[in-house]
């Protein structure tokens, strides 16, 4: 009894202010502690992944994720991911703000303008933006409490159904800088995001000047809303807006990466809320402002827009710079587009490897993919994803375009399935939290829209899927007949039967059904154990802060 009593007295956890509670009483029997690996004892070259030693398997988890709150039981083992917590707050912020800015905005917006017109792209991007705000808010609330390996995939296995989680993971999974591990990816994303944001801001400023008549050629006089009147605000009516919905949704692909990155930052409770809130500013200031500038400065019937011609010059950013006679700016934009493509590739390797490792940890992928080396890299998962990337080279063959279209179709809807599952996970999480006797006051971060926000996000995902179905059956420019019609439909929707196939295979293998709310595990991997009293005290202290600090925290911080 004395040994057990000493363990109780000597244990503690950080509270909201970072102080350690000295006394804790537990009825749980002491458990054998899991092996803990301290990477700081390794050489700098091993930590950076530049030595042969770094490729050896890590002997244990680093336990680098903070466990906080008065309800935390120091005698109960906490599940820690094998991945190391190397990401700094600035990395997570830039991944959230600029990580998914890429060809969807720089090039895809041209085809969107041609299909939907200036009003169509604003409607579509605003609706998808509302959906994404709710998705990221829900993801942030859950990942702050559960910064688990695999992020949204693991949450789907826990709150929905293991079989569906497995199907979602393989659907999501369906460059050498990643060999430098988490820190290498984070640094690349930080600096590439800085470049993309800088170029977009420059473009917005130049676009305003050109619209006011400050350029050459057609921009030598005031343009205003000329192109909203002639050729008009909508290109193809309702059908055009539906086609733009799909493009808009795909341009936001990668937003869910903040959930995967939560497990590789030491204190998600402090860093993740800012990243989630920055999603709102990215949507409003980057996407909506850029698309507004494009819509007022270019007509949707411009021949060089994507769909009217091919090549790098189809980017509306490049077209505006060329028409204004701004020599050199078009080259800067093309360089940024190339860097964006590289960034997207690295993000795919990062996300795919983390999801594959999490699936292996839960028995849904070969155990070899649980291998994490001393530098924190899921080595075999990274290598497999890199090898799969070589499939892109089928595009250089004679039938490359056809094969590539089918490969894109396989992965095209997986992002939407992921977003929908995140919303449903949040809905189920809140129900399980209530049914098992918890209060939302215990949660350190609450999604701004609550459960209703997740329902709105889920319904909008369903509407986008319906819009994609509509365009697949009745595409712009008329419906093809016979075999061509069937081929066009399956190219657009083949991801759906693939997801159902994986789900069916998982059910046949494991016979799992969705958990009841009372059966959902709310403890494994949990890192925030605050009591209602602790949270009330903390929130009262926050309300006492000066008004300008409260506004800043509400908009940008935690």
Protein backbone atom coordinates (compact mmCIF):
# COMPACT_ATOMS: atom_id res chain seq x y z
CA UNK A 1 0.00 0.00 0.00
CA UNK A 2 2.81 2.40 0.78
CA UNK A 3 4.37 1.93 -2.66
CA UNK A 4 1.00 2.57 -4.28
CA UNK A 5 0.46 5.61 -2.10
CA UNK A 6 3.90 6.99 -3.05
CA UNK A 7 3.07 6.56 -6.71
CA UNK A 8 -0.10 8.55 -6.18
CA UNK A 9 1.68 11.36 -4.34
CA UNK A 10 4.60 11.63 -6.72
CA UNK A 11 2.62 11.72 -9.93
CA UNK A 12 1.25 14.80 -11.62
CA UNK A 13 0.01 16.33 -14.83
CA UNK A 14 0.14 19.82 -16.23
CA UNK A 15 -2.89 22.00 -15.68
CA UNK A 16 -4.12 24.79 -17.95
CA UNK A 17 -1.42 27.16 -16.76
CA UNK A 18 1.36 24.63 -17.30
CA UNK A 19 1.82 23.97 -13.56
CA UNK A 20 2.05 20.47 -12.15
CA UNK A 21 -0.61 19.11 -9.81
CA UNK A 22 1.27 17.39 -6.99
CA UNK A 23 -1.41 15.06 -5.62
CA UNK A 24 -3.47 12.55 -7.54
CA UNK A 25 -5.60 9.70 -6.21
CA UNK A 26 -6.26 6.69 -8.44
CA UNK A 27 -7.92 3.32 -8.04
CA UNK A 28 -6.12 1.87 -11.06
CA UNK A 29 -3.36 -0.64 -10.55
CA UNK A 30 0.08 0.47 -11.69
CA UNK A 31 0.95 -0.76 -15.18
CA UNK A 32 4.26 -1.55 -16.74
CA UNK A 33 5.36 1.66 -18.49
CA UNK A 34 5.80 1.52 -22.24
CA UNK A 35 9.38 2.00 -23.50
CA UNK A 36 10.17 5.65 -24.11
CA UNK A 37 12.69 6.77 -26.71
CA UNK A 38 14.60 10.03 -26.29
CA UNK A 39 15.81 11.23 -29.75
CA UNK A 40 17.77 14.07 -28.15
CA UNK A 41 20.39 11.53 -27.10
CA UNK A 42 21.13 10.80 -30.76
CA UNK A 43 23.52 12.82 -32.93
CA UNK A 44 22.26 15.80 -34.90
CA UNK A 45 22.73 13.83 -38.13
CA UNK A 46 20.54 11.01 -36.86
CA UNK A 47 17.82 13.41 -35.76
CA UNK A 48 17.87 15.03 -39.21
CA UNK A 49 17.77 11.63 -40.90
CA UNK A 50 21.16 12.01 -42.59
CA UNK A 51 23.04 9.08 -41.04
CA UNK A 52 22.78 5.33 -41.47
CA UNK A 53 21.86 5.09 -37.79
CA UNK A 54 18.73 7.15 -38.44
CA UNK A 55 17.24 4.35 -40.58
CA UNK A 56 17.18 1.89 -37.68
CA UNK A 57 13.84 1.25 -36.00
CA UNK A 58 13.02 3.60 -33.13
CA UNK A 59 13.02 1.56 -29.89
CA UNK A 60 9.85 3.21 -28.59
CA UNK A 61 7.52 6.20 -28.64
CA UNK A 62 8.93 9.56 -27.62
CA UNK A 63 5.97 10.44 -25.37
CA UNK A 64 6.37 13.96 -26.72
CA UNK A 65 2.65 14.80 -26.65
CA UNK A 66 1.64 16.66 -23.50
CA UNK A 67 -1.04 15.16 -21.27
CA UNK A 68 -2.93 17.86 -19.38
CA UNK A 69 -5.84 18.20 -16.97
CA UNK A 70 -6.86 17.27 -13.46
CA UNK A 71 -8.71 14.14 -14.57
CA UNK A 72 -5.60 12.54 -16.09
CA UNK A 73 -4.66 9.27 -14.40
CA UNK A 74 -0.86 9.03 -14.08
CA UNK A 75 -1.08 5.29 -13.34
CA UNK A 76 -2.98 4.48 -16.52
CA UNK A 77 -0.83 4.07 -19.60
CA UNK A 78 -1.32 6.66 -22.34
CA UNK A 79 -1.04 5.57 -25.94
CA UNK A 80 1.66 7.58 -27.69
CA UNK A 81 2.33 7.51 -31.43
CA UNK A 82 5.68 6.31 -32.72
CA UNK A 83 5.94 9.46 -34.85
CA UNK A 84 8.05 12.22 -33.34
CA UNK A 85 6.76 15.68 -32.41
CA UNK A 86 9.10 17.80 -34.55
CA UNK A 87 6.68 20.33 -36.00
CA UNK A 88 6.78 23.85 -34.63
CA UNK A 89 3.76 26.16 -34.40
CA UNK A 90 4.87 28.13 -37.47
CA UNK A 91 4.93 24.92 -39.52
CA UNK A 92 1.37 24.01 -38.58
CA UNK A 93 0.11 27.54 -39.25
CA UNK A 94 1.55 27.64 -42.76
CA UNK A 95 0.35 24.14 -43.60
CA UNK A 96 -3.13 25.31 -42.62
CA UNK A 97 -2.94 28.63 -44.48
CA UNK A 98 -0.99 27.78 -47.64
CA UNK A 99 -0.72 24.00 -47.75
CA UNK A 100 -3.57 23.36 -50.18
CA UNK A 101 -3.01 26.43 -52.37
CA UNK A 102 -1.87 24.98 -55.67
CA UNK A 103 -3.00 24.11 -59.17
CA UNK A 104 -6.66 24.21 -58.11
CA UNK A 105 -6.37 27.98 -57.63
CA UNK A 106 -3.60 28.86 -60.07
CA UNK A 107 -4.83 26.76 -63.03
CA UNK A 108 -8.14 25.09 -62.18
CA UNK A 109 -9.78 28.45 -61.55
CA UNK A 110 -9.43 29.13 -65.28
CA UNK A 111 -11.60 26.18 -66.23
CA UNK A 112 -13.99 27.07 -63.41
CA UNK A 113 -14.38 30.60 -64.79
CA UNK A 114 -14.99 29.22 -68.28
CA UNK A 115 -17.63 26.75 -67.03
CA UNK A 116 -19.41 28.81 -64.41
CA UNK A 117 -18.67 32.46 -65.07
CA UNK A 118 -17.55 35.00 -62.42
CA UNK A 119 -20.69 34.64 -60.29
CA UNK A 120 -20.64 30.85 -60.58
CA UNK A 121 -17.12 30.53 -59.17
CA UNK A 122 -17.92 32.83 -56.25
CA UNK A 123 -21.08 30.88 -55.36
CA UNK A 124 -19.29 27.53 -55.58
CA UNK A 125 -16.18 28.57 -53.64
CA UNK A 126 -18.24 30.30 -50.92
CA UNK A 127 -20.41 27.21 -50.38
CA UNK A 128 -17.40 24.89 -50.34
CA UNK A 129 -15.66 27.37 -48.04
CA UNK A 130 -18.53 27.18 -45.53
CA UNK A 131 -18.31 23.41 -45.71
CA UNK A 132 -14.55 23.43 -45.11
CA UNK A 133 -14.80 25.81 -42.16
CA UNK A 134 -17.16 23.38 -40.43
CA UNK A 135 -15.00 20.39 -41.36
CA UNK A 136 -11.82 21.96 -39.95
CA UNK A 137 -13.60 23.17 -36.82
CA UNK A 138 -14.86 19.65 -36.13
CA UNK A 139 -11.44 18.17 -36.89
CA UNK A 140 -9.75 20.67 -34.59
CA UNK A 141 -12.05 19.91 -31.66
CA UNK A 142 -11.41 16.17 -31.93
CA UNK A 143 -7.68 16.24 -32.72
CA UNK A 144 -6.89 18.51 -29.77
CA UNK A 145 -8.34 15.88 -27.43
CA UNK A 146 -7.14 12.91 -29.51
CA UNK A 147 -3.91 13.74 -31.41
CA UNK A 148 -3.67 10.13 -32.56
CA UNK A 149 -1.63 8.55 -35.31
CA UNK A 150 -3.58 8.59 -38.57
CA UNK A 151 -5.74 11.56 -37.60
CA UNK A 152 -9.14 11.44 -39.31
CA UNK A 153 -8.65 7.80 -40.36
CA UNK A 154 -8.21 6.62 -36.76
CA UNK A 155 -11.12 8.79 -35.64
CA UNK A 156 -13.32 7.14 -38.29
CA UNK A 157 -12.34 3.70 -37.01
CA UNK A 158 -13.20 4.75 -33.45
CA UNK A 159 -16.34 6.85 -33.81
CA UNK A 160 -17.93 5.31 -36.91
CA UNK A 161 -16.90 1.78 -37.83
CA UNK A 162 -13.51 0.03 -38.13
CA UNK A 163 -14.48 -1.40 -41.51
CA UNK A 164 -15.44 2.00 -42.88
CA UNK A 165 -12.24 3.47 -41.43
CA UNK A 166 -10.20 0.83 -43.26
CA UNK A 167 -12.02 1.57 -46.52
CA UNK A 168 -11.51 5.29 -46.03
CA UNK A 169 -7.81 4.81 -45.32
CA UNK A 170 -7.10 2.69 -48.40
CA UNK A 171 -9.17 5.06 -50.53
CA UNK A 172 -7.10 7.97 -49.25
CA UNK A 173 -3.80 6.21 -49.83
CA UNK A 174 -5.10 4.97 -53.37
CA UNK A 175 10.23 12.86 -53.82
CA UNK A 176 12.92 12.54 -51.97
CA UNK A 177 12.60 15.47 -49.55
CA UNK A 178 10.32 13.25 -47.46
CA UNK A 179 13.36 11.15 -46.71
CA UNK A 180 14.37 14.04 -44.45
CA UNK A 181 11.33 13.19 -42.33
CA UNK A 182 8.71 15.34 -40.69
CA UNK A 183 10.95 18.35 -40.20
CA UNK A 184 12.02 18.35 -43.86
CA UNK A 185 8.41 18.23 -45.04
CA UNK A 186 7.37 20.92 -42.54
CA UNK A 187 10.15 23.28 -43.58
CA UNK A 188 9.42 22.76 -47.29
CA UNK A 189 5.72 23.45 -46.70
CA UNK A 190 6.52 26.53 -44.63
CA UNK A 191 8.68 28.20 -47.26
CA UNK A 192 6.64 27.11 -50.29
CA UNK A 193 3.49 28.38 -48.54
CA UNK A 194 5.23 31.69 -47.89
CA UNK A 195 6.03 31.97 -51.60
CA UNK A 196 2.49 31.05 -52.69
CA UNK A 197 0.93 33.51 -50.27
CA UNK A 198 3.30 36.28 -51.38
CA UNK A 199 2.49 35.68 -55.06
CA UNK A 200 -1.25 35.65 -54.40
CA UNK A 201 -1.06 38.90 -52.43
CA UNK A 202 0.99 40.51 -55.23
CA UNK A 203 -1.56 39.27 -57.76
CA UNK A 204 -4.46 40.74 -55.78
CA UNK A 205 -2.80 44.15 -55.52
CA UNK A 206 -1.86 44.18 -59.22
CA UNK A 207 -5.36 42.98 -60.15
CA UNK A 208 -6.96 45.90 -58.32
CA UNK A 209 -4.61 48.37 -60.05
CA UNK A 210 -5.32 46.85 -63.49
CA UNK A 211 -9.07 46.92 -62.93
CA UNK A 212 -8.84 50.62 -62.11
CA UNK A 213 -7.04 51.31 -65.39
CA UNK A 214 -3.46 51.33 -64.20
CA UNK A 215 -2.03 48.98 -66.84
CA UNK A 216 -1.43 48.72 -70.58
CA UNK A 217 -3.66 47.47 -73.37
CA UNK A 218 -7.19 46.63 -72.26
CA UNK A 219 -6.23 47.66 -68.73
CA UNK A 220 -5.32 51.19 -69.76
CA UNK A 221 -8.86 52.27 -68.87
CA UNK A 222 -11.27 51.51 -66.07
CA UNK A 223 -12.64 47.96 -66.35
CA UNK A 224 -14.89 47.70 -63.29
CA UNK A 225 -17.66 45.11 -63.70
CA UNK A 226 -17.63 45.20 -67.49
CA UNK A 227 -17.25 41.45 -67.88
CA UNK A 228 -20.11 40.73 -65.48
CA UNK A 229 -22.39 42.45 -68.01
CA UNK A 230 -20.75 41.21 -71.21
CA UNK A 231 -20.46 38.23 -71.65
CA UNK A 232 -22.30 37.93 -68.31
CA UNK A 233 -22.10 36.65 -64.73
CA UNK A 234 -23.03 33.00 -65.43
CA UNK A 235 -21.58 30.90 -68.23
CA UNK A 236 -23.74 27.77 -68.27
CA UNK A 237 -26.48 28.50 -65.76
CA UNK A 238 -27.20 25.97 -63.01
CA UNK A 239 -25.24 23.21 -64.73
CA UNK A 240 -22.17 25.44 -64.87
CA UNK A 241 -22.37 26.08 -61.12
CA UNK A 242 -22.60 22.32 -60.48
CA UNK A 243 -19.49 21.76 -62.59
CA UNK A 244 -17.66 24.46 -60.62
CA UNK A 245 -18.66 22.85 -57.30
CA UNK A 246 -16.48 19.88 -58.14
CA UNK A 247 -13.50 22.03 -59.15
CA UNK A 248 -13.86 24.18 -56.03
CA UNK A 249 -13.97 21.14 -53.75
CA UNK A 250 -10.84 19.64 -55.30
CA UNK A 251 -9.00 22.97 -54.99
CA UNK A 252 -9.33 22.68 -51.20
CA UNK A 253 -7.93 19.12 -51.10
CA UNK A 254 -5.32 18.80 -48.38
CA UNK A 255 -7.11 20.96 -45.82
CA UNK A 256 -7.46 17.87 -43.61
CA UNK A 257 -3.65 17.64 -43.26
CA UNK A 258 -3.77 19.66 -40.02
CA UNK A 259 -5.47 16.68 -38.41
CA UNK A 260 -2.66 14.34 -39.47
CA UNK A 261 -0.01 16.83 -38.36
CA UNK A 262 -1.56 17.21 -34.88
CA UNK A 263 0.18 14.06 -33.67
CA UNK A 264 3.58 15.44 -34.72
CA UNK A 265 3.43 18.69 -32.77
CA UNK A 266 4.17 18.65 -29.01
CA UNK A 267 1.12 20.59 -27.83
CA UNK A 268 -1.84 20.49 -30.25
CA UNK A 269 -4.01 22.18 -27.61
CA UNK A 270 -2.09 25.43 -28.15
CA UNK A 271 -1.15 25.22 -31.84
CA UNK A 272 -4.12 23.55 -33.54
CA UNK A 273 -6.82 26.17 -32.74
CA UNK A 274 -4.79 28.85 -34.52
CA UNK A 275 -4.31 26.58 -37.53
CA UNK A 276 -8.04 25.84 -37.67
CA UNK A 277 -8.97 29.52 -37.45
CA UNK A 278 -6.47 30.38 -40.17
CA UNK A 279 -8.49 28.19 -42.54
CA UNK A 280 -11.23 30.83 -42.46
CA UNK A 281 -8.77 33.56 -43.44
CA UNK A 282 -7.31 31.45 -46.22
CA UNK A 283 -10.78 30.88 -47.67
CA UNK A 284 -11.90 34.51 -47.45
CA UNK A 285 -8.73 36.45 -48.15
CA UNK A 286 -6.93 34.10 -50.52
CA UNK A 287 -9.54 32.21 -52.50
CA UNK A 288 -12.54 34.54 -52.54
CA UNK A 289 -10.50 37.71 -53.10
CA UNK A 290 -8.39 36.10 -55.85
CA UNK A 291 -11.43 34.71 -57.64
CA UNK A 292 -13.18 38.08 -57.44
CA UNK A 293 -10.16 39.74 -59.06
CA UNK A 294 -10.09 37.07 -61.79
CA UNK A 295 -13.82 37.44 -62.42
CA UNK A 296 -13.73 41.20 -62.91
CA UNK A 297 -10.56 41.26 -65.03
CA UNK A 298 -11.16 38.35 -67.41
CA UNK A 299 -14.27 37.35 -69.41
CA UNK A 300 -15.30 33.71 -69.13
CA UNK A 301 -15.12 33.34 -72.92
CA UNK A 302 -11.41 34.20 -73.01
CA UNK A 303 -9.97 31.68 -75.50
CA UNK A 304 -6.78 30.98 -73.56
CA UNK A 305 -8.57 29.85 -70.39
CA UNK A 306 -8.25 26.15 -69.53
CA UNK A 307 -10.72 24.37 -71.78
CA UNK A 308 -10.07 26.70 -74.69
CA UNK A 309 -6.38 25.86 -75.13
CA UNK A 310 -3.59 23.86 -73.49
CA UNK A 311 -0.37 24.73 -71.72
CA UNK A 312 0.87 26.76 -68.78
CA UNK A 313 -0.61 29.89 -70.28
CA UNK A 314 -4.11 28.68 -69.35
CA UNK A 315 -3.69 30.00 -65.80
CA UNK A 316 -5.84 33.14 -65.33
CA UNK A 317 -2.97 34.57 -63.26
CA UNK A 318 -0.61 34.23 -66.23
CA UNK A 319 -3.20 35.48 -68.73
CA UNK A 320 -3.77 38.68 -66.76
CA UNK A 321 -0.03 39.35 -66.47
CA UNK A 322 0.45 38.75 -70.22
CA UNK A 323 -2.49 40.89 -71.31
CA UNK A 324 -1.29 43.72 -69.06
CA UNK A 325 2.20 43.56 -70.55
CA UNK A 326 3.82 42.86 -67.18
CA UNK A 327 6.97 41.16 -68.42
CA UNK A 328 8.44 38.77 -65.90
CA UNK A 329 5.37 38.41 -63.68
CA UNK A 330 4.07 35.55 -65.80
CA UNK A 331 7.37 33.71 -65.30
CA UNK A 332 7.16 34.23 -61.52
CA UNK A 333 3.65 32.80 -61.52
CA UNK A 334 4.74 29.80 -63.62
CA UNK A 335 7.62 29.13 -61.21
CA UNK A 336 5.15 29.32 -58.31
CA UNK A 337 2.86 26.86 -60.08
CA UNK A 338 5.78 24.41 -60.50
CA UNK A 339 6.67 24.75 -56.81
CA UNK A 340 3.00 24.25 -55.93
CA UNK A 341 2.91 21.00 -57.89
CA UNK A 342 6.01 19.79 -56.01
CA UNK A 343 4.44 20.86 -52.72
CA UNK A 344 1.24 18.97 -53.48
CA UNK A 345 3.25 15.85 -54.32
CA UNK A 346 5.14 16.06 -51.03
CA UNK A 347 1.90 16.62 -49.12
CA UNK A 348 0.42 13.50 -50.72
CA UNK A 349 3.45 11.45 -49.72
CA UNK A 350 3.28 12.84 -46.18
CA UNK A 351 -0.45 12.22 -45.76
CA UNK A 352 -0.51 8.83 -47.48
CA UNK A 353 2.43 7.47 -45.49
CA UNK A 354 0.92 8.54 -42.15
CA UNK A 355 -2.45 7.00 -42.95
CA UNK A 356 -0.82 3.76 -44.13
CA UNK A 357 1.23 3.55 -40.92
CA UNK A 358 -1.90 4.07 -38.82
CA UNK A 359 -3.71 1.35 -40.78
CA UNK A 360 -0.84 -1.05 -40.18
CA UNK A 361 -0.95 -0.28 -36.45
CA UNK A 362 -4.61 -1.32 -36.43
CA UNK A 363 -4.14 -4.44 -38.53
CA UNK A 364 -5.61 -3.11 -41.79
CA UNK A 365 -2.27 -3.09 -43.64
CA UNK A 366 0.85 -5.29 -43.45
CA UNK A 367 2.75 -4.92 -40.17
CA UNK A 368 5.93 -3.91 -41.99
CA UNK A 369 4.39 -0.46 -42.44
CA UNK A 370 4.47 0.14 -38.67
CA UNK A 371 8.23 0.66 -39.02
CA UNK A 372 9.25 4.12 -37.81
CA UNK A 373 12.97 4.92 -37.74
CA UNK A 374 14.99 6.96 -35.27
CA UNK A 375 14.39 10.14 -37.26
CA UNK A 376 10.62 9.72 -36.92
CA UNK A 377 10.00 8.62 -40.52
CA UNK A 378 7.47 5.87 -41.33
CA UNK A 379 10.12 4.61 -43.71
CA UNK A 380 8.46 1.74 -45.57
CA UNK A 381 5.19 3.65 -45.90
CA UNK A 382 7.03 6.62 -47.43
CA UNK A 383 8.90 4.37 -49.87
CA UNK A 384 5.73 2.62 -51.05
CA UNK A 385 3.89 5.91 -51.59
CA UNK A 386 6.90 7.23 -53.52
CA UNK A 387 6.88 4.13 -55.73
CA UNK A 388 3.14 4.55 -56.38
CA UNK A 389 3.88 8.10 -57.49
CA UNK A 390 5.76 6.61 -60.46
CA UNK A 391 2.35 5.71 -61.92
CA UNK A 392 2.19 9.33 -63.09
CA UNK A 393 4.68 8.41 -65.82
CA UNK A 394 1.98 6.43 -67.65
CA UNK A 395 1.00 9.84 -69.00
CA UNK A 396 3.98 9.74 -71.40
CA UNK A 397 2.74 6.59 -73.15
CA UNK A 398 0.45 6.53 -76.19
CA UNK A 399 -2.58 5.65 -74.05
CA UNK A 400 -1.29 7.71 -71.14
CA UNK A 401 -4.11 10.24 -71.11
CA UNK A 402 -6.71 7.49 -70.88
CA UNK A 403 -4.93 5.62 -68.07
CA UNK A 404 -4.24 8.83 -66.21
CA UNK A 405 -7.92 9.85 -66.36
CA UNK A 406 -8.89 6.56 -64.71
CA UNK A 407 -6.25 6.99 -62.01
CA UNK A 408 -7.56 10.48 -61.27
CA UNK A 409 -11.07 9.05 -61.13
CA UNK A 410 -9.98 6.51 -58.53
CA UNK A 411 -8.78 9.22 -56.16
CA UNK A 412 -10.98 12.12 -57.22
CA UNK A 413 -13.79 11.71 -54.69
CA UNK A 414 -11.70 10.39 -51.80
CA UNK A 415 -11.26 13.92 -50.44
CA UNK A 416 -15.02 14.43 -50.28
CA UNK A 417 -15.49 11.08 -48.56
CA UNK A 418 -12.84 12.11 -46.03
CA UNK A 419 -14.51 15.45 -45.30
CA UNK A 420 -17.90 13.81 -44.89
CA UNK A 421 -16.49 11.21 -42.52
CA UNK A 422 -14.84 13.93 -40.40
CA UNK A 423 -18.21 15.62 -39.93
CA UNK A 424 -19.89 12.33 -39.03
CA UNK A 425 -17.05 11.50 -36.61
CA UNK A 426 -17.66 14.79 -34.82
CA UNK A 427 -21.40 14.14 -34.60
CA UNK A 428 -20.78 10.67 -33.15
CA UNK A 429 -18.05 11.97 -30.83
CA UNK A 430 -20.38 14.57 -29.33
CA UNK A 431 -23.13 11.98 -28.84
CA UNK A 432 -20.75 9.49 -27.17
CA UNK A 433 -19.33 12.29 -25.03
CA UNK A 434 -22.84 13.16 -23.79
CA UNK A 435 -24.08 9.57 -23.38
CA UNK A 436 -21.03 8.60 -21.31
CA UNK A 437 -21.67 11.41 -18.82
CA UNK A 438 -19.27 14.10 -20.04
CA UNK A 439 -19.94 17.80 -20.50
CA UNK A 440 -18.79 19.88 -23.45
CA UNK A 441 -17.36 22.25 -20.83
CA UNK A 442 -14.55 19.74 -20.35
CA UNK A 443 -13.36 20.22 -23.93
CA UNK A 444 -10.50 22.73 -24.35
CA UNK A 445 -11.73 23.79 -27.80
CA UNK A 446 -15.27 23.79 -29.19
CA UNK A 447 -16.13 23.82 -32.89
CA UNK A 448 -17.68 27.18 -33.68
CA UNK A 449 -20.83 25.62 -35.17
CA UNK A 450 -21.05 22.71 -32.76
CA UNK A 451 -22.89 19.61 -33.95
CA UNK A 452 -25.09 21.73 -36.22
CA UNK A 453 -21.99 22.94 -38.03
CA UNK A 454 -20.96 19.34 -38.70
CA UNK A 455 -24.43 18.53 -40.01
CA UNK A 456 -24.19 21.53 -42.35
CA UNK A 457 -20.76 20.37 -43.51
CA UNK A 458 -21.99 16.81 -44.10
CA UNK A 459 -25.06 17.97 -46.04
CA UNK A 460 -22.89 20.21 -48.23
CA UNK A 461 -20.56 17.27 -48.95
CA UNK A 462 -23.60 15.25 -50.03
CA UNK A 463 -24.76 18.13 -52.27
CA UNK A 464 -21.34 18.28 -53.95
CA UNK A 465 -21.48 14.52 -54.55
CA UNK A 466 -24.94 14.94 -56.08
CA UNK A 467 -23.63 17.79 -58.26
CA UNK A 468 -20.76 15.58 -59.40
CA UNK A 469 -23.24 12.80 -60.21
CA UNK A 470 -25.37 15.25 -62.19
CA UNK A 471 -22.41 16.49 -64.22
CA UNK A 472 -21.19 12.91 -64.77
CA UNK A 473 -24.57 11.92 -66.27
CA UNK A 474 -25.33 15.20 -68.06
CA UNK A 475 -21.96 16.87 -68.73
CA UNK A 476 -21.45 20.34 -70.11
CA UNK A 477 -21.61 20.47 -73.89
CA UNK A 478 -24.22 17.73 -74.24
CA UNK A 479 -24.50 14.11 -73.17
CA UNK A 480 -22.47 11.45 -75.05
CA UNK A 481 -24.21 8.25 -75.92
CA UNK A 482 -23.62 4.54 -75.44
CA UNK A 483 -20.18 3.43 -74.28
CA UNK A 484 -18.85 6.97 -74.06
CA UNK A 485 -21.58 7.93 -71.58
CA UNK A 486 -20.85 4.95 -69.34
CA UNK A 487 -17.10 5.59 -69.51
CA UNK A 488 -17.52 9.28 -68.63
CA UNK A 489 -19.72 8.39 -65.66
CA UNK A 490 -17.38 5.79 -64.20
CA UNK A 491 -14.37 8.05 -64.66
CA UNK A 492 -16.14 10.60 -62.46
CA UNK A 493 -17.60 8.18 -59.90
CA UNK A 494 -15.44 5.07 -59.78
CA UNK A 495 -14.09 6.04 -56.33
CA UNK A 496 -17.52 5.33 -54.79
CA UNK A 497 -17.70 1.60 -55.69
CA UNK A 498 -14.03 1.24 -54.72
CA UNK A 499 -14.83 2.62 -51.25
CA UNK A 500 -17.83 0.29 -50.91
CA UNK A 501 -15.70 -2.67 -52.04
CA UNK A 502 -13.08 -2.03 -49.33
CA UNK A 503 -15.81 -1.56 -46.73
CA UNK A 504 -17.45 -4.85 -47.74
CA UNK A 505 -14.10 -6.67 -47.58
CA UNK A 506 -13.48 -5.28 -44.09
CA UNK A 507 -16.93 -6.39 -42.96
CA UNK A 508 -16.47 -9.91 -44.35
CA UNK A 509 -13.08 -10.18 -42.65
CA UNK A 510 -13.90 -8.67 -39.24
CA UNK A 511 -17.72 -8.63 -39.04
CA UNK A 512 -17.66 -5.21 -37.41
CA UNK A 513 -20.65 -2.90 -37.14
CA UNK A 514 -20.81 0.76 -36.11
CA UNK A 515 -20.33 1.18 -32.36
CA UNK A 516 -23.11 2.32 -30.08
CA UNK A 517 -22.46 5.68 -28.44
CA UNK A 518 -22.06 3.98 -25.07
CA UNK A 519 -19.40 1.62 -26.50
CA UNK A 520 -17.11 4.18 -28.14
CA UNK A 521 -13.67 4.38 -26.52
CA UNK A 522 -13.18 7.94 -25.25
CA UNK A 523 -9.96 7.32 -23.28
CA UNK A 524 -7.33 5.72 -25.52
CA UNK A 525 -4.98 8.35 -26.90
CA UNK A 526 -6.75 11.14 -25.02
CA UNK A 527 -4.40 13.98 -24.03
CA UNK A 528 -6.80 16.54 -22.49
CA UNK A 529 -8.40 15.54 -19.17
CA UNK A 530 -9.62 18.85 -17.83
CA UNK A 531 -12.43 19.01 -15.29
CA UNK A 532 -15.41 21.32 -15.70
CA UNK A 533 -14.11 23.41 -12.79
CA UNK A 534 -10.69 23.80 -14.41
CA UNK A 535 -12.20 24.91 -17.70
CA UNK A 536 -14.59 27.35 -16.03
CA UNK A 537 -11.73 28.93 -14.12
CA UNK A 538 -9.62 29.16 -17.27
CA UNK A 539 -12.41 30.69 -19.33
CA UNK A 540 -13.19 33.21 -16.59
CA UNK A 541 -9.55 34.31 -16.63
CA UNK A 542 -9.68 34.66 -20.41
CA UNK A 543 -12.76 36.86 -20.22
CA UNK A 544 -10.93 39.19 -17.86
CA UNK A 545 -8.30 39.97 -20.51
CA UNK A 546 -8.35 43.38 -22.29
CA UNK A 547 -10.85 43.64 -25.15
CA UNK A 548 -8.21 43.83 -27.89
CA UNK A 549 -6.57 40.63 -26.66
CA UNK A 550 -9.94 38.87 -26.57
CA UNK A 551 -10.65 39.92 -30.16
CA UNK A 552 -7.23 38.74 -31.32
CA UNK A 553 -7.70 35.38 -29.61
CA UNK A 554 -11.16 34.97 -31.09
CA UNK A 555 -9.99 35.65 -34.64
CA UNK A 556 -6.47 34.25 -34.83
CA UNK A 557 -5.29 32.48 -31.69
CA UNK A 558 -6.34 30.31 -28.75
